[in-house]
Amino acid sequence: MRKLLSCPLTEDFEDDLGCAYMIDEPDGQRSCGAARRASSSYCPHHHSVCYIVSGSKAETDRLREVEALASAVGGRRARRREEPTQQFLRRMEQAVREFP
């Protein structure tokens, strides 16, 4: 008979009291630390920033943005460069013009 072993968690999700959203500050990054939303790693505000409700207008808008960016990039892997090419910048400007 096989015995199932459970891995001890290094951090108990329910005992973690603060929002895990990282905030950039002049002296480095820190976590938000506000009270978390139930079953989330984030406070209600940062949860709403990090997650898009399925079927919402926000999701539709975000998918349009992603499609426009993918179309502008062209789906090819570019060579590494210090800065973007003029052709790429023109494509990006064209893609941005399509959004209000």
PDB file of N, CA and C in Angstrom:
ATOM      1  N   MET A   1       0.843  -1.174   0.000  1.00  0.00           N
ATOM      2  CA  MET A   1       0.000   0.000   0.000  1.00  0.00           C
ATOM      3  C   MET A   1       0.888   1.238   0.000  1.00  0.00           C
ATOM      4  N   ARG A   2       0.521   2.223  -0.809  1.00  0.00           N
ATOM      5  CA  ARG A   2       1.273   3.461  -0.895  1.00  0.00           C
ATOM      6  C   ARG A   2       0.787   4.474   0.120  1.00  0.00           C
ATOM      7  N   LYS A   3       1.715   5.161   0.698  1.00  0.00           N
ATOM      8  CA  LYS A   3       1.364   6.197   1.657  1.00  0.00           C
ATOM      9  C   LYS A   3       1.559   7.549   0.977  1.00  0.00           C
ATOM     10  N   LEU A   4       0.553   8.392   1.016  1.00  0.00           N
ATOM     11  CA  LEU A   4       0.650   9.717   0.423  1.00  0.00           C
ATOM     12  C   LEU A   4       1.299  10.666   1.406  1.00  0.00           C
ATOM     13  N   LEU A   5       2.295  11.352   0.926  1.00  0.00           N
ATOM     14  CA  LEU A   5       2.977  12.323   1.770  1.00  0.00           C
ATOM     15  C   LEU A   5       2.513  13.712   1.390  1.00  0.00           C
ATOM     16  N   SER A   6       2.270  14.527   2.360  1.00  0.00           N
ATOM     17  CA  SER A   6       1.886  15.902   2.061  1.00  0.00           C
ATOM     18  C   SER A   6       3.073  16.806   2.352  1.00  0.00           C
ATOM     19  N   CYS A   7       3.275  17.743   1.454  1.00  0.00           N
ATOM     20  CA  CYS A   7       4.353  18.696   1.627  1.00  0.00           C
ATOM     21  C   CYS A   7       3.916  19.775   2.601  1.00  0.00           C
ATOM     22  N   PRO A   8       4.704  20.053   3.609  1.00  0.00           N
ATOM     23  CA  PRO A   8       4.325  21.152   4.487  1.00  0.00           C
ATOM     24  C   PRO A   8       4.476  22.475   3.736  1.00  0.00           C
ATOM     25  N   LEU A   9       3.500  23.314   3.856  1.00  0.00           N
ATOM     26  CA  LEU A   9       3.566  24.613   3.208  1.00  0.00           C
ATOM     27  C   LEU A   9       4.468  25.535   4.001  1.00  0.00           C
ATOM     28  N   THR A  10       5.272  26.306   3.293  1.00  0.00           N
ATOM     29  CA  THR A  10       6.158  27.224   3.983  1.00  0.00           C
ATOM     30  C   THR A  10       5.388  28.440   4.482  1.00  0.00           C
ATOM     31  N   GLU A  11       4.211  28.649   3.921  1.00  0.00           N
ATOM     32  CA  GLU A  11       3.437  29.813   4.297  1.00  0.00           C
ATOM     33  C   GLU A  11       1.968  29.423   4.296  1.00  0.00           C
ATOM     34  N   ASP A  12       1.287  29.589   5.388  1.00  0.00           N
ATOM     35  CA  ASP A  12      -0.130  29.272   5.472  1.00  0.00           C
ATOM     36  C   ASP A  12      -0.920  30.429   4.886  1.00  0.00           C
ATOM     37  N   PHE A  13      -1.675  30.161   3.814  1.00  0.00           N
ATOM     38  CA  PHE A  13      -2.412  31.191   3.095  1.00  0.00           C
ATOM     39  C   PHE A  13      -3.346  31.953   4.018  1.00  0.00           C
ATOM     40  N   GLU A  14      -4.013  31.244   4.916  1.00  0.00           N
ATOM     41  CA  GLU A  14      -4.978  31.896   5.791  1.00  0.00           C
ATOM     42  C   GLU A  14      -4.304  32.740   6.877  1.00  0.00           C
ATOM     43  N   ASP A  15      -3.070  32.428   7.244  1.00  0.00           N
ATOM     44  CA  ASP A  15      -2.384  33.198   8.274  1.00  0.00           C
ATOM     45  C   ASP A  15      -1.692  34.439   7.715  1.00  0.00           C
ATOM     46  N   ASP A  16      -1.537  34.509   6.391  1.00  0.00           N
ATOM     47  CA  ASP A  16      -0.903  35.669   5.763  1.00  0.00           C
ATOM     48  C   ASP A  16      -1.896  36.826   5.811  1.00  0.00           C
ATOM     49  N   LEU A  17      -1.555  37.879   6.496  1.00  0.00           N
ATOM     50  CA  LEU A  17      -2.516  38.940   6.761  1.00  0.00           C
ATOM     51  C   LEU A  17      -2.552  40.069   5.741  1.00  0.00           C
ATOM     52  N   GLY A  18      -1.511  40.236   4.940  1.00  0.00           N
ATOM     53  CA  GLY A  18      -1.456  41.423   4.094  1.00  0.00           C
ATOM     54  C   GLY A  18      -1.549  41.171   2.604  1.00  0.00           C
ATOM     55  N   CYS A  19      -1.984  42.207   1.908  1.00  0.00           N
ATOM     56  CA  CYS A  19      -2.064  42.213   0.442  1.00  0.00           C
ATOM     57  C   CYS A  19      -0.656  42.031  -0.127  1.00  0.00           C
ATOM     58  N   ALA A  20      -0.515  41.166  -1.124  1.00  0.00           N
ATOM     59  CA  ALA A  20       0.795  40.844  -1.700  1.00  0.00           C
ATOM     60  C   ALA A  20       1.167  41.731  -2.880  1.00  0.00           C
ATOM     61  N   TYR A  21       0.327  42.690  -3.245  1.00  0.00           N
ATOM     62  CA  TYR A  21       0.600  43.563  -4.389  1.00  0.00           C
ATOM     63  C   TYR A  21       1.865  44.371  -4.106  1.00  0.00           C
ATOM     64  N   MET A  22       2.807  44.352  -5.055  1.00  0.00           N
ATOM     65  CA  MET A  22       4.079  45.042  -4.877  1.00  0.00           C
ATOM     66  C   MET A  22       3.972  46.480  -5.367  1.00  0.00           C
ATOM     67  N   ILE A  23       4.426  47.404  -4.546  1.00  0.00           N
ATOM     68  CA  ILE A  23       4.370  48.829  -4.844  1.00  0.00           C
ATOM     69  C   ILE A  23       5.793  49.338  -4.985  1.00  0.00           C
ATOM     70  N   ASP A  24       6.060  50.041  -6.102  1.00  0.00           N
ATOM     71  CA  ASP A  24       7.387  50.633  -6.301  1.00  0.00           C
ATOM     72  C   ASP A  24       7.471  51.940  -5.530  1.00  0.00           C
ATOM     73  N   GLU A  25       8.541  52.099  -4.811  1.00  0.00           N
ATOM     74  CA  GLU A  25       8.807  53.320  -4.075  1.00  0.00           C
ATOM     75  C   GLU A  25      10.245  53.730  -4.329  1.00  0.00           C
ATOM     76  N   PRO A  26      10.591  54.981  -4.084  1.00  0.00           N
ATOM     77  CA  PRO A  26      11.960  55.437  -4.341  1.00  0.00           C
ATOM     78  C   PRO A  26      13.032  54.587  -3.651  1.00  0.00           C
ATOM     79  N   ASP A  27      12.730  54.075  -2.467  1.00  0.00           N
ATOM     80  CA  ASP A  27      13.720  53.286  -1.740  1.00  0.00           C
ATOM     81  C   ASP A  27      13.578  51.783  -1.974  1.00  0.00           C
ATOM     82  N   GLY A  28      12.807  51.382  -2.962  1.00  0.00           N
ATOM     83  CA  GLY A  28      12.648  49.966  -3.287  1.00  0.00           C
ATOM     84  C   GLY A  28      11.188  49.557  -3.338  1.00  0.00           C
ATOM     85  N   GLN A  29      10.950  48.255  -3.420  1.00  0.00           N
ATOM     86  CA  GLN A  29       9.588  47.744  -3.486  1.00  0.00           C
ATOM     87  C   GLN A  29       9.129  47.301  -2.110  1.00  0.00           C
ATOM     88  N   ARG A  30       7.825  47.408  -1.895  1.00  0.00           N
ATOM     89  CA  ARG A  30       7.222  46.885  -0.678  1.00  0.00           C
ATOM     90  C   ARG A  30       5.859  46.340  -1.043  1.00  0.00           C
ATOM     91  N   SER A  31       5.332  45.441  -0.237  1.00  0.00           N
ATOM     92  CA  SER A  31       3.984  44.944  -0.504  1.00  0.00           C
ATOM     93  C   SER A  31       2.977  45.901   0.112  1.00  0.00           C
ATOM     94  N   CYS A  32       1.772  45.919  -0.432  1.00  0.00           N
ATOM     95  CA  CYS A  32       0.709  46.806   0.032  1.00  0.00           C
ATOM     96  C   CYS A  32       0.430  46.579   1.514  1.00  0.00           C
ATOM     97  N   GLY A  33       0.200  45.335   1.905  1.00  0.00           N
ATOM     98  CA  GLY A  33       0.008  45.004   3.303  1.00  0.00           C
ATOM     99  C   GLY A  33      -1.392  45.225   3.843  1.00  0.00           C
ATOM    100  N   ALA A  34      -2.308  45.786   3.042  1.00  0.00           N
ATOM    101  CA  ALA A  34      -3.688  45.996   3.501  1.00  0.00           C
ATOM    102  C   ALA A  34      -4.380  44.645   3.690  1.00  0.00           C
ATOM    103  N   ALA A  35      -5.506  44.652   4.370  1.00  0.00           N
ATOM    104  CA  ALA A  35      -6.256  43.414   4.597  1.00  0.00           C
ATOM    105  C   ALA A  35      -6.665  42.805   3.262  1.00  0.00           C
ATOM    106  N   ARG A  36      -6.446  41.487   3.136  1.00  0.00           N
ATOM    107  CA  ARG A  36      -6.733  40.791   1.889  1.00  0.00           C
ATOM    108  C   ARG A  36      -8.221  40.525   1.714  1.00  0.00           C
ATOM    109  N   ARG A  37      -8.636  40.443   0.462  1.00  0.00           N
ATOM    110  CA  ARG A  37      -9.974  39.984   0.111  1.00  0.00           C
ATOM    111  C   ARG A  37     -10.013  38.480   0.380  1.00  0.00           C
ATOM    112  N   ALA A  38     -11.162  37.959   0.759  1.00  0.00           N
ATOM    113  CA  ALA A  38     -11.293  36.517   1.029  1.00  0.00           C
ATOM    114  C   ALA A  38     -10.880  35.714  -0.203  1.00  0.00           C
ATOM    115  N   SER A  39     -10.103  34.668  -0.017  1.00  0.00           N
ATOM    116  CA  SER A  39      -9.633  33.768  -1.077  1.00  0.00           C
ATOM    117  C   SER A  39      -8.821  34.480  -2.153  1.00  0.00           C
ATOM    118  N   SER A  40      -8.137  35.539  -1.803  1.00  0.00           N
ATOM    119  CA  SER A  40      -7.299  36.267  -2.749  1.00  0.00           C
ATOM    120  C   SER A  40      -5.998  36.636  -2.051  1.00  0.00           C
ATOM    121  N   SER A  41      -4.968  36.868  -2.838  1.00  0.00           N
ATOM    122  CA  SER A  41      -3.696  37.323  -2.280  1.00  0.00           C
ATOM    123  C   SER A  41      -3.663  38.837  -2.159  1.00  0.00           C
ATOM    124  N   TYR A  42      -4.720  39.497  -2.649  1.00  0.00           N
ATOM    125  CA  TYR A  42      -4.738  40.953  -2.728  1.00  0.00           C
ATOM    126  C   TYR A  42      -5.905  41.563  -1.961  1.00  0.00           C
ATOM    127  N   CYS A  43      -5.739  42.838  -1.600  1.00  0.00           N
ATOM    128  CA  CYS A  43      -6.841  43.605  -1.009  1.00  0.00           C
ATOM    129  C   CYS A  43      -7.888  43.828  -2.115  1.00  0.00           C
ATOM    130  N   PRO A  44      -9.110  44.243  -1.772  1.00  0.00           N
ATOM    131  CA  PRO A  44     -10.143  44.423  -2.812  1.00  0.00           C
ATOM    132  C   PRO A  44      -9.706  45.341  -3.956  1.00  0.00           C
ATOM    133  N   HIS A  45      -9.031  46.443  -3.644  1.00  0.00           N
ATOM    134  CA  HIS A  45      -8.610  47.368  -4.712  1.00  0.00           C
ATOM    135  C   HIS A  45      -7.610  46.706  -5.665  1.00  0.00           C
ATOM    136  N   HIS A  46      -6.564  46.098  -5.126  1.00  0.00           N
ATOM    137  CA  HIS A  46      -5.546  45.492  -5.983  1.00  0.00           C
ATOM    138  C   HIS A  46      -6.063  44.234  -6.683  1.00  0.00           C
ATOM    139  N   HIS A  47      -7.018  43.537  -6.086  1.00  0.00           N
ATOM    140  CA  HIS A  47      -7.644  42.403  -6.767  1.00  0.00           C
ATOM    141  C   HIS A  47      -8.350  42.894  -8.029  1.00  0.00           C
ATOM    142  N   SER A  48      -9.051  44.024  -7.922  1.00  0.00           N
ATOM    143  CA  SER A  48      -9.766  44.560  -9.085  1.00  0.00           C
ATOM    144  C   SER A  48      -8.804  45.054 -10.159  1.00  0.00           C
ATOM    145  N   VAL A  49      -7.595  45.466  -9.756  1.00  0.00           N
ATOM    146  CA  VAL A  49      -6.576  45.897 -10.715  1.00  0.00           C
ATOM    147  C   VAL A  49      -5.981  44.697 -11.445  1.00  0.00           C
ATOM    148  N   CYS A  50      -5.823  43.577 -10.743  1.00  0.00           N
ATOM    149  CA  CYS A  50      -5.123  42.409 -11.286  1.00  0.00           C
ATOM    150  C   CYS A  50      -6.017  41.440 -12.058  1.00  0.00           C
ATOM    151  N   TYR A  51      -7.297  41.457 -11.824  1.00  0.00           N
ATOM    152  CA  TYR A  51      -8.193  40.493 -12.448  1.00  0.00           C
ATOM    153  C   TYR A  51      -9.280  41.190 -13.242  1.00  0.00           C
ATOM    154  N   ILE A  52      -9.608  40.629 -14.391  1.00  0.00           N
ATOM    155  CA  ILE A  52     -10.673  41.150 -15.252  1.00  0.00           C
ATOM    156  C   ILE A  52     -11.811  40.155 -15.221  1.00  0.00           C
ATOM    157  N   VAL A  53     -13.016  40.647 -14.995  1.00  0.00           N
ATOM    158  CA  VAL A  53     -14.193  39.783 -14.926  1.00  0.00           C
ATOM    159  C   VAL A  53     -14.494  39.229 -16.314  1.00  0.00           C
ATOM    160  N   SER A  54     -14.648  37.921 -16.398  1.00  0.00           N
ATOM    161  CA  SER A  54     -14.945  37.264 -17.663  1.00  0.00           C
ATOM    162  C   SER A  54     -16.290  37.741 -18.204  1.00  0.00           C
ATOM    163  N   GLY A  55     -16.332  38.095 -19.487  1.00  0.00           N
ATOM    164  CA  GLY A  55     -17.560  38.538 -20.125  1.00  0.00           C
ATOM    165  C   GLY A  55     -17.850  40.016 -19.947  1.00  0.00           C
ATOM    166  N   SER A  56     -16.971  40.750 -19.263  1.00  0.00           N
ATOM    167  CA  SER A  56     -17.205  42.177 -19.016  1.00  0.00           C
ATOM    168  C   SER A  56     -16.695  43.022 -20.184  1.00  0.00           C
ATOM    169  N   LYS A  57     -17.085  44.298 -20.187  1.00  0.00           N
ATOM    170  CA  LYS A  57     -16.599  45.235 -21.195  1.00  0.00           C
ATOM    171  C   LYS A  57     -15.081  45.390 -21.067  1.00  0.00           C
ATOM    172  N   ALA A  58     -14.594  45.379 -19.835  1.00  0.00           N
ATOM    173  CA  ALA A  58     -13.147  45.489 -19.615  1.00  0.00           C
ATOM    174  C   ALA A  58     -12.405  44.336 -20.292  1.00  0.00           C
ATOM    175  N   GLU A  59     -12.970  43.129 -20.231  1.00  0.00           N
ATOM    176  CA  GLU A  59     -12.333  41.984 -20.881  1.00  0.00           C
ATOM    177  C   GLU A  59     -12.330  42.168 -22.393  1.00  0.00           C
ATOM    178  N   THR A  60     -13.444  42.615 -22.946  1.00  0.00           N
ATOM    179  CA  THR A  60     -13.531  42.852 -24.394  1.00  0.00           C
ATOM    180  C   THR A  60     -12.505  43.894 -24.827  1.00  0.00           C
ATOM    181  N   ASP A  61     -12.406  44.993 -24.077  1.00  0.00           N
ATOM    182  CA  ASP A  61     -11.436  46.038 -24.405  1.00  0.00           C
ATOM    183  C   ASP A  61     -10.009  45.509 -24.328  1.00  0.00           C
ATOM    184  N   ARG A  62      -9.713  44.741 -23.304  1.00  0.00           N
ATOM    185  CA  ARG A  62      -8.363  44.207 -23.130  1.00  0.00           C
ATOM    186  C   ARG A  62      -8.001  43.246 -24.261  1.00  0.00           C
ATOM    187  N   LEU A  63      -8.948  42.403 -24.656  1.00  0.00           N
ATOM    188  CA  LEU A  63      -8.697  41.474 -25.756  1.00  0.00           C
ATOM    189  C   LEU A  63      -8.460  42.225 -27.064  1.00  0.00           C
ATOM    190  N   ARG A  64      -9.178  43.323 -27.289  1.00  0.00           N
ATOM    191  CA  ARG A  64      -8.947  44.145 -28.487  1.00  0.00           C
ATOM    192  C   ARG A  64      -7.539  44.727 -28.468  1.00  0.00           C
ATOM    193  N   GLU A  65      -7.102  45.193 -27.312  1.00  0.00           N
ATOM    194  CA  GLU A  65      -5.749  45.745 -27.191  1.00  0.00           C
ATOM    195  C   GLU A  65      -4.693  44.676 -27.486  1.00  0.00           C
ATOM    196  N   VAL A  66      -4.893  43.491 -26.939  1.00  0.00           N
ATOM    197  CA  VAL A  66      -3.940  42.397 -27.145  1.00  0.00           C
ATOM    198  C   VAL A  66      -3.888  42.012 -28.622  1.00  0.00           C
ATOM    199  N   GLU A  67      -5.051  41.921 -29.266  1.00  0.00           N
ATOM    200  CA  GLU A  67      -5.098  41.585 -30.694  1.00  0.00           C
ATOM    201  C   GLU A  67      -4.399  42.642 -31.534  1.00  0.00           C
ATOM    202  N   ALA A  68      -4.602  43.923 -31.201  1.00  0.00           N
ATOM    203  CA  ALA A  68      -3.955  44.999 -31.955  1.00  0.00           C
ATOM    204  C   ALA A  68      -2.442  44.940 -31.787  1.00  0.00           C
ATOM    205  N   LEU A  69      -1.986  44.670 -30.579  1.00  0.00           N
ATOM    206  CA  LEU A  69      -0.549  44.560 -30.341  1.00  0.00           C
ATOM    207  C   LEU A  69       0.039  43.370 -31.090  1.00  0.00           C
ATOM    208  N   ALA A  70      -0.660  42.238 -31.050  1.00  0.00           N
ATOM    209  CA  ALA A  70      -0.180  41.048 -31.758  1.00  0.00           C
ATOM    210  C   ALA A  70      -0.127  41.301 -33.257  1.00  0.00           C
ATOM    211  N   SER A  71      -1.116  42.008 -33.762  1.00  0.00           N
ATOM    212  CA  SER A  71      -1.142  42.332 -35.191  1.00  0.00           C
ATOM    213  C   SER A  71       0.008  43.272 -35.553  1.00  0.00           C
ATOM    214  N   ALA A  72       0.273  44.248 -34.691  1.00  0.00           N
ATOM    215  CA  ALA A  72       1.348  45.204 -34.955  1.00  0.00           C
ATOM    216  C   ALA A  72       2.713  44.532 -34.923  1.00  0.00           C
ATOM    217  N   VAL A  73       2.899  43.622 -34.000  1.00  0.00           N
ATOM    218  CA  VAL A  73       4.179  42.927 -33.876  1.00  0.00           C
ATOM    219  C   VAL A  73       4.371  41.962 -35.037  1.00  0.00           C
ATOM    220  N   GLY A  74       3.311  41.384 -35.499  1.00  0.00           N
ATOM    221  CA  GLY A  74       3.383  40.506 -36.644  1.00  0.00           C
ATOM    222  C   GLY A  74       3.661  39.055 -36.309  1.00  0.00           C
ATOM    223  N   GLY A  75       3.744  38.718 -35.041  1.00  0.00           N
ATOM    224  CA  GLY A  75       3.906  37.330 -34.645  1.00  0.00           C
ATOM    225  C   GLY A  75       5.283  36.750 -34.902  1.00  0.00           C
ATOM    226  N   ARG A  76       6.259  37.577 -35.188  1.00  0.00           N
ATOM    227  CA  ARG A  76       7.608  37.081 -35.432  1.00  0.00           C
ATOM    228  C   ARG A  76       8.515  37.461 -34.280  1.00  0.00           C
ATOM    229  N   ARG A  77       9.483  36.623 -34.053  1.00  0.00           N
ATOM    230  CA  ARG A  77      10.466  36.933 -33.019  1.00  0.00           C
ATOM    231  C   ARG A  77      11.529  37.846 -33.632  1.00  0.00           C
ATOM    232  N   ALA A  78      11.721  38.978 -33.028  1.00  0.00           N
ATOM    233  CA  ALA A  78      12.677  39.956 -33.554  1.00  0.00           C
ATOM    234  C   ALA A  78      14.077  39.678 -33.010  1.00  0.00           C
ATOM    235  N   ARG A  79      15.049  40.194 -33.722  1.00  0.00           N
ATOM    236  CA  ARG A  79      16.417  40.137 -33.217  1.00  0.00           C
ATOM    237  C   ARG A  79      16.562  41.121 -32.068  1.00  0.00           C
ATOM    238  N   ARG A  80      17.435  40.807 -31.143  1.00  0.00           N
ATOM    239  CA  ARG A  80      17.657  41.716 -30.010  1.00  0.00           C
ATOM    240  C   ARG A  80      18.324  42.986 -30.512  1.00  0.00           C
ATOM    241  N   ARG A  81      17.772  44.120 -30.076  1.00  0.00           N
ATOM    242  CA  ARG A  81      18.323  45.422 -30.437  1.00  0.00           C
ATOM    243  C   ARG A  81      18.273  46.332 -29.221  1.00  0.00           C
ATOM    244  N   GLU A  82      19.039  47.393 -29.288  1.00  0.00           N
ATOM    245  CA  GLU A  82      19.028  48.377 -28.203  1.00  0.00           C
ATOM    246  C   GLU A  82      17.725  49.162 -28.188  1.00  0.00           C
ATOM    247  N   GLU A  83      17.165  49.420 -29.353  1.00  0.00           N
ATOM    248  CA  GLU A  83      15.913  50.172 -29.451  1.00  0.00           C
ATOM    249  C   GLU A  83      15.075  49.617 -30.592  1.00  0.00           C
ATOM    250  N   PRO A  84      13.750  49.892 -30.585  1.00  0.00           N
ATOM    251  CA  PRO A  84      12.885  49.349 -31.640  1.00  0.00           C
ATOM    252  C   PRO A  84      13.196  49.974 -33.006  1.00  0.00           C
ATOM    253  N   THR A  85      12.911  49.209 -34.061  1.00  0.00           N
ATOM    254  CA  THR A  85      13.136  49.709 -35.419  1.00  0.00           C
ATOM    255  C   THR A  85      12.065  50.739 -35.778  1.00  0.00           C
ATOM    256  N   GLN A  86      12.340  51.538 -36.789  1.00  0.00           N
ATOM    257  CA  GLN A  86      11.365  52.531 -37.257  1.00  0.00           C
ATOM    258  C   GLN A  86      10.107  51.844 -37.778  1.00  0.00           C
ATOM    259  N   GLN A  87      10.263  50.727 -38.452  1.00  0.00           N
ATOM    260  CA  GLN A  87       9.108  49.986 -38.967  1.00  0.00           C
ATOM    261  C   GLN A  87       8.207  49.538 -37.816  1.00  0.00           C
ATOM    262  N   PHE A  88       8.799  49.029 -36.743  1.00  0.00           N
ATOM    263  CA  PHE A  88       8.025  48.603 -35.586  1.00  0.00           C
ATOM    264  C   PHE A  88       7.292  49.789 -34.960  1.00  0.00           C
ATOM    265  N   LEU A  89       7.975  50.921 -34.825  1.00  0.00           N
ATOM    266  CA  LEU A  89       7.339  52.103 -34.242  1.00  0.00           C
ATOM    267  C   LEU A  89       6.167  52.583 -35.094  1.00  0.00           C
ATOM    268  N   ARG A  90       6.293  52.522 -36.413  1.00  0.00           N
ATOM    269  CA  ARG A  90       5.175  52.905 -37.292  1.00  0.00           C
ATOM    270  C   ARG A  90       3.990  51.972 -37.090  1.00  0.00           C
ATOM    271  N   ARG A  91       4.265  50.661 -36.985  1.00  0.00           N
ATOM    272  CA  ARG A  91       3.179  49.699 -36.737  1.00  0.00           C
ATOM    273  C   ARG A  91       2.470  49.987 -35.416  1.00  0.00           C
ATOM    274  N   MET A  92       3.250  50.285 -34.387  1.00  0.00           N
ATOM    275  CA  MET A  92       2.661  50.574 -33.081  1.00  0.00           C
ATOM    276  C   MET A  92       1.816  51.846 -33.122  1.00  0.00           C
ATOM    277  N   GLU A  93       2.299  52.876 -33.799  1.00  0.00           N
ATOM    278  CA  GLU A  93       1.531  54.122 -33.918  1.00  0.00           C
ATOM    279  C   GLU A  93       0.212  53.863 -34.643  1.00  0.00           C
ATOM    280  N   GLN A  94       0.252  53.052 -35.684  1.00  0.00           N
ATOM    281  CA  GLN A  94      -0.970  52.707 -36.424  1.00  0.00           C
ATOM    282  C   GLN A  94      -1.950  51.951 -35.529  1.00  0.00           C
ATOM    283  N   ALA A  95      -1.447  51.015 -34.739  1.00  0.00           N
ATOM    284  CA  ALA A  95      -2.304  50.238 -33.848  1.00  0.00           C
ATOM    285  C   ALA A  95      -2.942  51.124 -32.784  1.00  0.00           C
ATOM    286  N   VAL A  96      -2.182  52.078 -32.257  1.00  0.00           N
ATOM    287  CA  VAL A  96      -2.690  52.965 -31.204  1.00  0.00           C
ATOM    288  C   VAL A  96      -3.775  53.893 -31.753  1.00  0.00           C
ATOM    289  N   ARG A  97      -3.656  54.302 -32.982  1.00  0.00           N
ATOM    290  CA  ARG A  97      -4.661  55.210 -33.578  1.00  0.00           C
ATOM    291  C   ARG A  97      -6.037  54.567 -33.642  1.00  0.00           C
ATOM    292  N   GLU A  98      -6.102  53.249 -33.656  1.00  0.00           N
ATOM    293  CA  GLU A  98      -7.389  52.555 -33.755  1.00  0.00           C
ATOM    294  C   GLU A  98      -8.170  52.572 -32.451  1.00  0.00           C
ATOM    295  N   PHE A  99      -7.534  52.982 -31.344  1.00  0.00           N
ATOM    296  CA  PHE A  99      -8.194  53.003 -30.041  1.00  0.00           C
ATOM    297  C   PHE A  99      -8.543  54.425 -29.648  1.00  0.00           C
ATOM    298  N   PRO A 100      -9.778  54.595 -29.112  1.00  0.00           N
ATOM    299  CA  PRO A 100     -10.183  55.956 -28.690  1.00  0.00           C
ATOM    300  C   PRO A 100      -9.431  56.448 -27.481  1.00  0.00           C
TER     301      PRO A 100
END
